[in-house]
Amino acid sequence: MSLVGVTGARASLPPSVGRLIRDVRAASPIPVAVGFGVSRPTHVRALARAGADGVIVASALVDALGSEGRNLTALRRLVADLRAATGR
C-alpha cells in the first residue's frame, strides 16, 4: 500500500512510498507491486524509479468509465497512458 487512510485516486503519492518499497524489498524476495492511490502516469513513473515491480490501479479505472460506466474510450486511453509510463 502506498498510503495510510482512505483509498482512491490521488493527485500525488506520499513522499514515504520510496522508503516503503525499499523496506518491503529488503524483507522479502517476491516482486513488489504498489497500489492504493495510484492513478496517474506520473505515479507509475515515480514508482518504477523507486523500484516497484508493478502497480495496482483500481479507482482511477472505474472513474475513467464515467458516471454511466461506459466510457471505454477514456478507459482505454488511461490504460494506454499508464502502460506507457512503465517504459515497457
PDB file of N, CA and C in Angstrom:
ATOM      1  N   MET A   1       0.842  -1.180   0.000  1.00  0.00           N
ATOM      2  CA  MET A   1       0.000   0.000   0.000  1.00  0.00           C
ATOM      3  C   MET A   1       0.880   1.233   0.000  1.00  0.00           C
ATOM      4  N   SER A   2       0.508   2.189  -0.801  1.00  0.00           N
ATOM      5  CA  SER A   2       1.320   3.396  -0.910  1.00  0.00           C
ATOM      6  C   SER A   2       0.935   4.447   0.108  1.00  0.00           C
ATOM      7  N   LEU A   3      -0.195   4.256   0.796  1.00  0.00           N
ATOM      8  CA  LEU A   3      -0.646   5.276   1.728  1.00  0.00           C
ATOM      9  C   LEU A   3      -1.436   4.649   2.851  1.00  0.00           C
ATOM     10  N   VAL A   4      -1.637   5.447   3.885  1.00  0.00           N
ATOM     11  CA  VAL A   4      -2.463   5.043   5.009  1.00  0.00           C
ATOM     12  C   VAL A   4      -3.650   5.994   5.019  1.00  0.00           C
ATOM     13  N   GLY A   5      -4.855   5.461   5.102  1.00  0.00           N
ATOM     14  CA  GLY A   5      -6.038   6.305   5.114  1.00  0.00           C
ATOM     15  C   GLY A   5      -7.038   5.842   4.089  1.00  0.00           C
ATOM     16  N   VAL A   6      -7.870   6.764   3.646  1.00  0.00           N
ATOM     17  CA  VAL A   6      -8.927   6.469   2.690  1.00  0.00           C
ATOM     18  C   VAL A   6      -8.311   6.159   1.330  1.00  0.00           C
ATOM     19  N   THR A   7      -8.802   5.107   0.698  1.00  0.00           N
ATOM     20  CA  THR A   7      -8.281   4.726  -0.612  1.00  0.00           C
ATOM     21  C   THR A   7      -8.945   5.546  -1.706  1.00  0.00           C
ATOM     22  N   GLY A   8      -8.417   5.439  -2.892  1.00  0.00           N
ATOM     23  CA  GLY A   8      -8.977   6.137  -4.047  1.00  0.00           C
ATOM     24  C   GLY A   8      -7.905   6.875  -4.803  1.00  0.00           C
ATOM     25  N   ALA A   9      -8.275   7.375  -5.980  1.00  0.00           N
ATOM     26  CA  ALA A   9      -7.331   8.103  -6.827  1.00  0.00           C
ATOM     27  C   ALA A   9      -6.829   9.341  -6.102  1.00  0.00           C
ATOM     28  N   ARG A  10      -5.562   9.648  -6.296  1.00  0.00           N
ATOM     29  CA  ARG A  10      -4.910  10.786  -5.648  1.00  0.00           C
ATOM     30  C   ARG A  10      -4.215  11.663  -6.676  1.00  0.00           C
ATOM     31  N   ALA A  11      -3.981  12.907  -6.281  1.00  0.00           N
ATOM     32  CA  ALA A  11      -3.209  13.816  -7.130  1.00  0.00           C
ATOM     33  C   ALA A  11      -1.728  13.499  -7.025  1.00  0.00           C
ATOM     34  N   SER A  12      -1.291  13.055  -5.856  1.00  0.00           N
ATOM     35  CA  SER A  12       0.119  12.734  -5.673  1.00  0.00           C
ATOM     36  C   SER A  12       0.260  11.578  -4.694  1.00  0.00           C
ATOM     37  N   LEU A  13       1.398  10.943  -4.743  1.00  0.00           N
ATOM     38  CA  LEU A  13       1.705   9.855  -3.816  1.00  0.00           C
ATOM     39  C   LEU A  13       2.453  10.428  -2.628  1.00  0.00           C
ATOM     40  N   PRO A  14       2.385   9.759  -1.481  1.00  0.00           N
ATOM     41  CA  PRO A  14       3.111  10.253  -0.313  1.00  0.00           C
ATOM     42  C   PRO A  14       4.626  10.135  -0.522  1.00  0.00           C
ATOM     43  N   PRO A  15       5.387  11.057   0.042  1.00  0.00           N
ATOM     44  CA  PRO A  15       6.840  11.006  -0.130  1.00  0.00           C
ATOM     45  C   PRO A  15       7.485   9.762   0.479  1.00  0.00           C
ATOM     46  N   SER A  16       6.792   9.096   1.368  1.00  0.00           N
ATOM     47  CA  SER A  16       7.352   7.918   2.039  1.00  0.00           C
ATOM     48  C   SER A  16       7.282   6.647   1.204  1.00  0.00           C
ATOM     49  N   VAL A  17       6.658   6.688   0.027  1.00  0.00           N
ATOM     50  CA  VAL A  17       6.441   5.460  -0.737  1.00  0.00           C
ATOM     51  C   VAL A  17       7.756   4.814  -1.184  1.00  0.00           C
ATOM     52  N   GLY A  18       8.759   5.595  -1.514  1.00  0.00           N
ATOM     53  CA  GLY A  18      10.050   5.024  -1.900  1.00  0.00           C
ATOM     54  C   GLY A  18      10.681   4.232  -0.771  1.00  0.00           C
ATOM     55  N   ARG A  19      10.593   4.771   0.432  1.00  0.00           N
ATOM     56  CA  ARG A  19      11.121   4.065   1.609  1.00  0.00           C
ATOM     57  C   ARG A  19      10.346   2.785   1.842  1.00  0.00           C
ATOM     58  N   LEU A  20       9.031   2.828   1.676  1.00  0.00           N
ATOM     59  CA  LEU A  20       8.214   1.627   1.860  1.00  0.00           C
ATOM     60  C   LEU A  20       8.612   0.532   0.871  1.00  0.00           C
ATOM     61  N   ILE A  21       8.849   0.908  -0.375  1.00  0.00           N
ATOM     62  CA  ILE A  21       9.273  -0.069  -1.384  1.00  0.00           C
ATOM     63  C   ILE A  21      10.606  -0.687  -0.984  1.00  0.00           C
ATOM     64  N   ARG A  22      11.548   0.139  -0.584  1.00  0.00           N
ATOM     65  CA  ARG A  22      12.864  -0.381  -0.160  1.00  0.00           C
ATOM     66  C   ARG A  22      12.739  -1.308   1.043  1.00  0.00           C
ATOM     67  N   ASP A  23      11.895  -0.944   2.017  1.00  0.00           N
ATOM     68  CA  ASP A  23      11.713  -1.775   3.212  1.00  0.00           C
ATOM     69  C   ASP A  23      11.105  -3.132   2.861  1.00  0.00           C
ATOM     70  N   VAL A  24      10.104  -3.133   1.994  1.00  0.00           N
ATOM     71  CA  VAL A  24       9.472  -4.402   1.599  1.00  0.00           C
ATOM     72  C   VAL A  24      10.464  -5.245   0.818  1.00  0.00           C
ATOM     73  N   ARG A  25      11.183  -4.622  -0.095  1.00  0.00           N
ATOM     74  CA  ARG A  25      12.164  -5.350  -0.899  1.00  0.00           C
ATOM     75  C   ARG A  25      13.246  -5.978  -0.001  1.00  0.00           C
ATOM     76  N   ALA A  26      13.645  -5.273   1.041  1.00  0.00           N
ATOM     77  CA  ALA A  26      14.664  -5.796   1.964  1.00  0.00           C
ATOM     78  C   ALA A  26      14.137  -6.970   2.786  1.00  0.00           C
ATOM     79  N   ALA A  27      12.825  -7.011   3.002  1.00  0.00           N
ATOM     80  CA  ALA A  27      12.248  -8.051   3.850  1.00  0.00           C
ATOM     81  C   ALA A  27      11.744  -9.265   3.084  1.00  0.00           C
ATOM     82  N   SER A  28      11.614  -9.150   1.765  1.00  0.00           N
ATOM     83  CA  SER A  28      11.009 -10.243   1.011  1.00  0.00           C
ATOM     84  C   SER A  28      11.611 -10.342  -0.391  1.00  0.00           C
ATOM     85  N   PRO A  29      11.800 -11.556  -0.877  1.00  0.00           N
ATOM     86  CA  PRO A  29      12.356 -11.737  -2.222  1.00  0.00           C
ATOM     87  C   PRO A  29      11.302 -11.648  -3.344  1.00  0.00           C
ATOM     88  N   ILE A  30      10.015 -11.570  -2.990  1.00  0.00           N
ATOM     89  CA  ILE A  30       8.987 -11.561  -4.022  1.00  0.00           C
ATOM     90  C   ILE A  30       8.858 -10.170  -4.655  1.00  0.00           C
ATOM     91  N   PRO A  31       8.329 -10.095  -5.872  1.00  0.00           N
ATOM     92  CA  PRO A  31       8.162  -8.794  -6.535  1.00  0.00           C
ATOM     93  C   PRO A  31       7.277  -7.843  -5.715  1.00  0.00           C
ATOM     94  N   VAL A  32       7.545  -6.568  -5.843  1.00  0.00           N
ATOM     95  CA  VAL A  32       6.818  -5.544  -5.091  1.00  0.00           C
ATOM     96  C   VAL A  32       5.904  -4.779  -6.036  1.00  0.00           C
ATOM     97  N   ALA A  33       4.605  -4.862  -5.789  1.00  0.00           N
ATOM     98  CA  ALA A  33       3.616  -4.090  -6.536  1.00  0.00           C
ATOM     99  C   ALA A  33       2.976  -3.099  -5.572  1.00  0.00           C
ATOM    100  N   VAL A  34       2.731  -1.896  -6.041  1.00  0.00           N
ATOM    101  CA  VAL A  34       2.209  -0.826  -5.188  1.00  0.00           C
ATOM    102  C   VAL A  34       0.831  -0.416  -5.668  1.00  0.00           C
ATOM    103  N   GLY A  35      -0.096  -0.293  -4.725  1.00  0.00           N
ATOM    104  CA  GLY A  35      -1.443   0.159  -5.022  1.00  0.00           C
ATOM    105  C   GLY A  35      -1.925   1.138  -3.980  1.00  0.00           C
ATOM    106  N   PHE A  36      -3.161   1.499  -4.042  1.00  0.00           N
ATOM    107  CA  PHE A  36      -3.825   2.457  -3.156  1.00  0.00           C
ATOM    108  C   PHE A  36      -3.360   3.867  -3.488  1.00  0.00           C
ATOM    109  N   GLY A  37      -4.144   4.551  -4.263  1.00  0.00           N
ATOM    110  CA  GLY A  37      -3.844   5.929  -4.630  1.00  0.00           C
ATOM    111  C   GLY A  37      -3.162   6.089  -5.970  1.00  0.00           C
ATOM    112  N   VAL A  38      -2.747   4.995  -6.587  1.00  0.00           N
ATOM    113  CA  VAL A  38      -2.063   5.066  -7.879  1.00  0.00           C
ATOM    114  C   VAL A  38      -3.117   5.338  -8.953  1.00  0.00           C
ATOM    115  N   SER A  39      -2.952   6.472  -9.666  1.00  0.00           N
ATOM    116  CA  SER A  39      -3.991   6.826 -10.623  1.00  0.00           C
ATOM    117  C   SER A  39      -3.492   7.562 -11.858  1.00  0.00           C
ATOM    118  N   ARG A  40      -2.235   7.937 -11.891  1.00  0.00           N
ATOM    119  CA  ARG A  40      -1.720   8.757 -12.984  1.00  0.00           C
ATOM    120  C   ARG A  40      -0.413   8.196 -13.540  1.00  0.00           C
ATOM    121  N   PRO A  41      -0.130   8.497 -14.795  1.00  0.00           N
ATOM    122  CA  PRO A  41       1.156   8.073 -15.359  1.00  0.00           C
ATOM    123  C   PRO A  41       2.347   8.594 -14.548  1.00  0.00           C
ATOM    124  N   THR A  42       2.249   9.778 -13.991  1.00  0.00           N
ATOM    125  CA  THR A  42       3.353  10.295 -13.175  1.00  0.00           C
ATOM    126  C   THR A  42       3.591   9.416 -11.954  1.00  0.00           C
ATOM    127  N   HIS A  43       2.520   8.864 -11.397  1.00  0.00           N
ATOM    128  CA  HIS A  43       2.669   7.943 -10.263  1.00  0.00           C
ATOM    129  C   HIS A  43       3.419   6.688 -10.701  1.00  0.00           C
ATOM    130  N   VAL A  44       3.031   6.152 -11.848  1.00  0.00           N
ATOM    131  CA  VAL A  44       3.654   4.923 -12.357  1.00  0.00           C
ATOM    132  C   VAL A  44       5.144   5.154 -12.585  1.00  0.00           C
ATOM    133  N   ARG A  45       5.491   6.274 -13.230  1.00  0.00           N
ATOM    134  CA  ARG A  45       6.915   6.575 -13.464  1.00  0.00           C
ATOM    135  C   ARG A  45       7.673   6.694 -12.150  1.00  0.00           C
ATOM    136  N   ALA A  46       7.095   7.392 -11.174  1.00  0.00           N
ATOM    137  CA  ALA A  46       7.759   7.568  -9.875  1.00  0.00           C
ATOM    138  C   ALA A  46       7.936   6.229  -9.170  1.00  0.00           C
ATOM    139  N   LEU A  47       6.940   5.378  -9.219  1.00  0.00           N
ATOM    140  CA  LEU A  47       7.038   4.075  -8.564  1.00  0.00           C
ATOM    141  C   LEU A  47       8.056   3.183  -9.258  1.00  0.00           C
ATOM    142  N   ALA A  48       8.111   3.243 -10.569  1.00  0.00           N
ATOM    143  CA  ALA A  48       9.123   2.473 -11.297  1.00  0.00           C
ATOM    144  C   ALA A  48      10.522   2.945 -10.916  1.00  0.00           C
ATOM    145  N   ARG A  49      10.715   4.260 -10.837  1.00  0.00           N
ATOM    146  CA  ARG A  49      12.032   4.799 -10.426  1.00  0.00           C
ATOM    147  C   ARG A  49      12.380   4.398  -8.997  1.00  0.00           C
ATOM    148  N   ALA A  50      11.357   4.263  -8.146  1.00  0.00           N
ATOM    149  CA  ALA A  50      11.581   3.896  -6.747  1.00  0.00           C
ATOM    150  C   ALA A  50      11.819   2.402  -6.574  1.00  0.00           C
ATOM    151  N   GLY A  51      11.660   1.622  -7.654  1.00  0.00           N
ATOM    152  CA  GLY A  51      11.971   0.199  -7.585  1.00  0.00           C
ATOM    153  C   GLY A  51      10.782  -0.736  -7.561  1.00  0.00           C
ATOM    154  N   ALA A  52       9.576  -0.231  -7.729  1.00  0.00           N
ATOM    155  CA  ALA A  52       8.404  -1.120  -7.756  1.00  0.00           C
ATOM    156  C   ALA A  52       8.444  -1.988  -9.009  1.00  0.00           C
ATOM    157  N   ASP A  53       8.023  -3.223  -8.854  1.00  0.00           N
ATOM    158  CA  ASP A  53       7.955  -4.148  -9.980  1.00  0.00           C
ATOM    159  C   ASP A  53       6.625  -4.029 -10.725  1.00  0.00           C
ATOM    160  N   GLY A  54       5.626  -3.486 -10.062  1.00  0.00           N
ATOM    161  CA  GLY A  54       4.309  -3.347 -10.671  1.00  0.00           C
ATOM    162  C   GLY A  54       3.475  -2.334  -9.919  1.00  0.00           C
ATOM    163  N   VAL A  55       2.357  -1.972 -10.521  1.00  0.00           N
ATOM    164  CA  VAL A  55       1.416  -1.051  -9.879  1.00  0.00           C
ATOM    165  C   VAL A  55       0.024  -1.660  -9.935  1.00  0.00           C
ATOM    166  N   ILE A  56      -0.805  -1.260  -9.009  1.00  0.00           N
ATOM    167  CA  ILE A  56      -2.189  -1.716  -8.943  1.00  0.00           C
ATOM    168  C   ILE A  56      -3.071  -0.475  -9.012  1.00  0.00           C
ATOM    169  N   VAL A  57      -3.921  -0.430 -10.014  1.00  0.00           N
ATOM    170  CA  VAL A  57      -4.800   0.724 -10.224  1.00  0.00           C
ATOM    171  C   VAL A  57      -6.232   0.217 -10.202  1.00  0.00           C
ATOM    172  N   ALA A  58      -7.096   0.868  -9.460  1.00  0.00           N
ATOM    173  CA  ALA A  58      -8.495   0.446  -9.418  1.00  0.00           C
ATOM    174  C   ALA A  58      -9.435   1.640  -9.557  1.00  0.00           C
ATOM    175  N   SER A  59      -9.480   2.500  -8.557  1.00  0.00           N
ATOM    176  CA  SER A  59     -10.435   3.611  -8.555  1.00  0.00           C
ATOM    177  C   SER A  59     -10.324   4.476  -9.796  1.00  0.00           C
ATOM    178  N   ALA A  60      -9.113   4.748 -10.246  1.00  0.00           N
ATOM    179  CA  ALA A  60      -8.932   5.599 -11.428  1.00  0.00           C
ATOM    180  C   ALA A  60      -9.531   4.943 -12.667  1.00  0.00           C
ATOM    181  N   LEU A  61      -9.464   3.615 -12.751  1.00  0.00           N
ATOM    182  CA  LEU A  61     -10.058   2.915 -13.893  1.00  0.00           C
ATOM    183  C   LEU A  61     -11.579   3.010 -13.854  1.00  0.00           C
ATOM    184  N   VAL A  62     -12.139   2.834 -12.678  1.00  0.00           N
ATOM    185  CA  VAL A  62     -13.587   2.967 -12.515  1.00  0.00           C
ATOM    186  C   VAL A  62     -14.011   4.394 -12.841  1.00  0.00           C
ATOM    187  N   ASP A  63     -13.262   5.376 -12.331  1.00  0.00           N
ATOM    188  CA  ASP A  63     -13.573   6.783 -12.610  1.00  0.00           C
ATOM    189  C   ASP A  63     -13.518   7.080 -14.104  1.00  0.00           C
ATOM    190  N   ALA A  64     -12.553   6.488 -14.798  1.00  0.00           N
ATOM    191  CA  ALA A  64     -12.407   6.736 -16.233  1.00  0.00           C
ATOM    192  C   ALA A  64     -13.636   6.278 -17.010  1.00  0.00           C
ATOM    193  N   LEU A  65     -14.324   5.283 -16.509  1.00  0.00           N
ATOM    194  CA  LEU A  65     -15.523   4.794 -17.179  1.00  0.00           C
ATOM    195  C   LEU A  65     -16.673   5.805 -17.145  1.00  0.00           C
ATOM    196  N   GLY A  66     -16.584   6.783 -16.263  1.00  0.00           N
ATOM    197  CA  GLY A  66     -17.612   7.816 -16.183  1.00  0.00           C
ATOM    198  C   GLY A  66     -18.825   7.386 -15.389  1.00  0.00           C
ATOM    199  N   SER A  67     -19.740   8.313 -15.225  1.00  0.00           N
ATOM    200  CA  SER A  67     -20.911   8.079 -14.372  1.00  0.00           C
ATOM    201  C   SER A  67     -21.820   6.966 -14.898  1.00  0.00           C
ATOM    202  N   GLU A  68     -21.836   6.774 -16.191  1.00  0.00           N
ATOM    203  CA  GLU A  68     -22.649   5.707 -16.778  1.00  0.00           C
ATOM    204  C   GLU A  68     -21.908   4.373 -16.835  1.00  0.00           C
ATOM    205  N   GLY A  69     -20.604   4.403 -16.547  1.00  0.00           N
ATOM    206  CA  GLY A  69     -19.815   3.173 -16.573  1.00  0.00           C
ATOM    207  C   GLY A  69     -19.577   2.622 -17.956  1.00  0.00           C
ATOM    208  N   ARG A  70     -19.586   3.502 -18.966  1.00  0.00           N
ATOM    209  CA  ARG A  70     -19.486   3.003 -20.336  1.00  0.00           C
ATOM    210  C   ARG A  70     -18.460   3.719 -21.201  1.00  0.00           C
ATOM    211  N   ASN A  71     -17.683   4.593 -20.620  1.00  0.00           N
ATOM    212  CA  ASN A  71     -16.729   5.365 -21.424  1.00  0.00           C
ATOM    213  C   ASN A  71     -15.468   4.532 -21.669  1.00  0.00           C
ATOM    214  N   LEU A  72     -15.606   3.595 -22.579  1.00  0.00           N
ATOM    215  CA  LEU A  72     -14.488   2.693 -22.879  1.00  0.00           C
ATOM    216  C   LEU A  72     -13.325   3.419 -23.540  1.00  0.00           C
ATOM    217  N   THR A  73     -13.609   4.491 -24.257  1.00  0.00           N
ATOM    218  CA  THR A  73     -12.536   5.268 -24.887  1.00  0.00           C
ATOM    219  C   THR A  73     -11.632   5.871 -23.816  1.00  0.00           C
ATOM    220  N   ALA A  74     -12.222   6.459 -22.788  1.00  0.00           N
ATOM    221  CA  ALA A  74     -11.433   7.044 -21.702  1.00  0.00           C
ATOM    222  C   ALA A  74     -10.683   5.964 -20.934  1.00  0.00           C
ATOM    223  N   LEU A  75     -11.319   4.832 -20.730  1.00  0.00           N
ATOM    224  CA  LEU A  75     -10.666   3.721 -20.026  1.00  0.00           C
ATOM    225  C   LEU A  75      -9.461   3.225 -20.823  1.00  0.00           C
ATOM    226  N   ARG A  76      -9.640   3.015 -22.112  1.00  0.00           N
ATOM    227  CA  ARG A  76      -8.525   2.551 -22.947  1.00  0.00           C
ATOM    228  C   ARG A  76      -7.375   3.555 -22.949  1.00  0.00           C
ATOM    229  N   ARG A  77      -7.720   4.843 -23.030  1.00  0.00           N
ATOM    230  CA  ARG A  77      -6.696   5.890 -23.043  1.00  0.00           C
ATOM    231  C   ARG A  77      -5.901   5.884 -21.736  1.00  0.00           C
ATOM    232  N   LEU A  78      -6.608   5.768 -20.596  1.00  0.00           N
ATOM    233  CA  LEU A  78      -5.916   5.739 -19.304  1.00  0.00           C
ATOM    234  C   LEU A  78      -5.016   4.510 -19.200  1.00  0.00           C
ATOM    235  N   VAL A  79      -5.518   3.353 -19.584  1.00  0.00           N
ATOM    236  CA  VAL A  79      -4.707   2.129 -19.525  1.00  0.00           C
ATOM    237  C   VAL A  79      -3.472   2.283 -20.413  1.00  0.00           C
ATOM    238  N   ALA A  80      -3.645   2.818 -21.606  1.00  0.00           N
ATOM    239  CA  ALA A  80      -2.501   3.013 -22.512  1.00  0.00           C
ATOM    240  C   ALA A  80      -1.493   3.985 -21.917  1.00  0.00           C
ATOM    241  N   ASP A  81      -1.983   5.076 -21.318  1.00  0.00           N
ATOM    242  CA  ASP A  81      -1.088   6.061 -20.708  1.00  0.00           C
ATOM    243  C   ASP A  81      -0.339   5.475 -19.518  1.00  0.00           C
ATOM    244  N   LEU A  82      -1.032   4.697 -18.707  1.00  0.00           N
ATOM    245  CA  LEU A  82      -0.375   4.060 -17.551  1.00  0.00           C
ATOM    246  C   LEU A  82       0.657   3.045 -18.019  1.00  0.00           C
ATOM    247  N   ARG A  83       0.307   2.262 -19.016  1.00  0.00           N
ATOM    248  CA  ARG A  83       1.257   1.268 -19.545  1.00  0.00           C
ATOM    249  C   ARG A  83       2.483   1.941 -20.142  1.00  0.00           C
ATOM    250  N   ALA A  84       2.266   3.003 -20.894  1.00  0.00           N
ATOM    251  CA  ALA A  84       3.389   3.734 -21.499  1.00  0.00           C
ATOM    252  C   ALA A  84       4.322   4.275 -20.421  1.00  0.00           C
ATOM    253  N   ALA A  85       3.766   4.652 -19.292  1.00  0.00           N
ATOM    254  CA  ALA A  85       4.576   5.207 -18.214  1.00  0.00           C
ATOM    255  C   ALA A  85       5.485   4.165 -17.575  1.00  0.00           C
ATOM    256  N   THR A  86       5.226   2.877 -17.810  1.00  0.00           N
ATOM    257  CA  THR A  86       6.104   1.836 -17.268  1.00  0.00           C
ATOM    258  C   THR A  86       7.413   1.761 -18.021  1.00  0.00           C
ATOM    259  N   GLY A  87       7.410   2.321 -19.250  1.00  0.00           N
ATOM    260  CA  GLY A  87       8.612   2.260 -20.068  1.00  0.00           C
ATOM    261  C   GLY A  87       8.775   0.919 -20.767  1.00  0.00           C
ATOM    262  N   ARG A  88       7.756   0.091 -20.739  1.00  0.00           N
ATOM    263  CA  ARG A  88       7.822  -1.231 -21.369  1.00  0.00           C
ATOM    264  C   ARG A  88       6.928  -1.301 -22.570  1.00  0.00           C
TER     265      ARG A  88
END
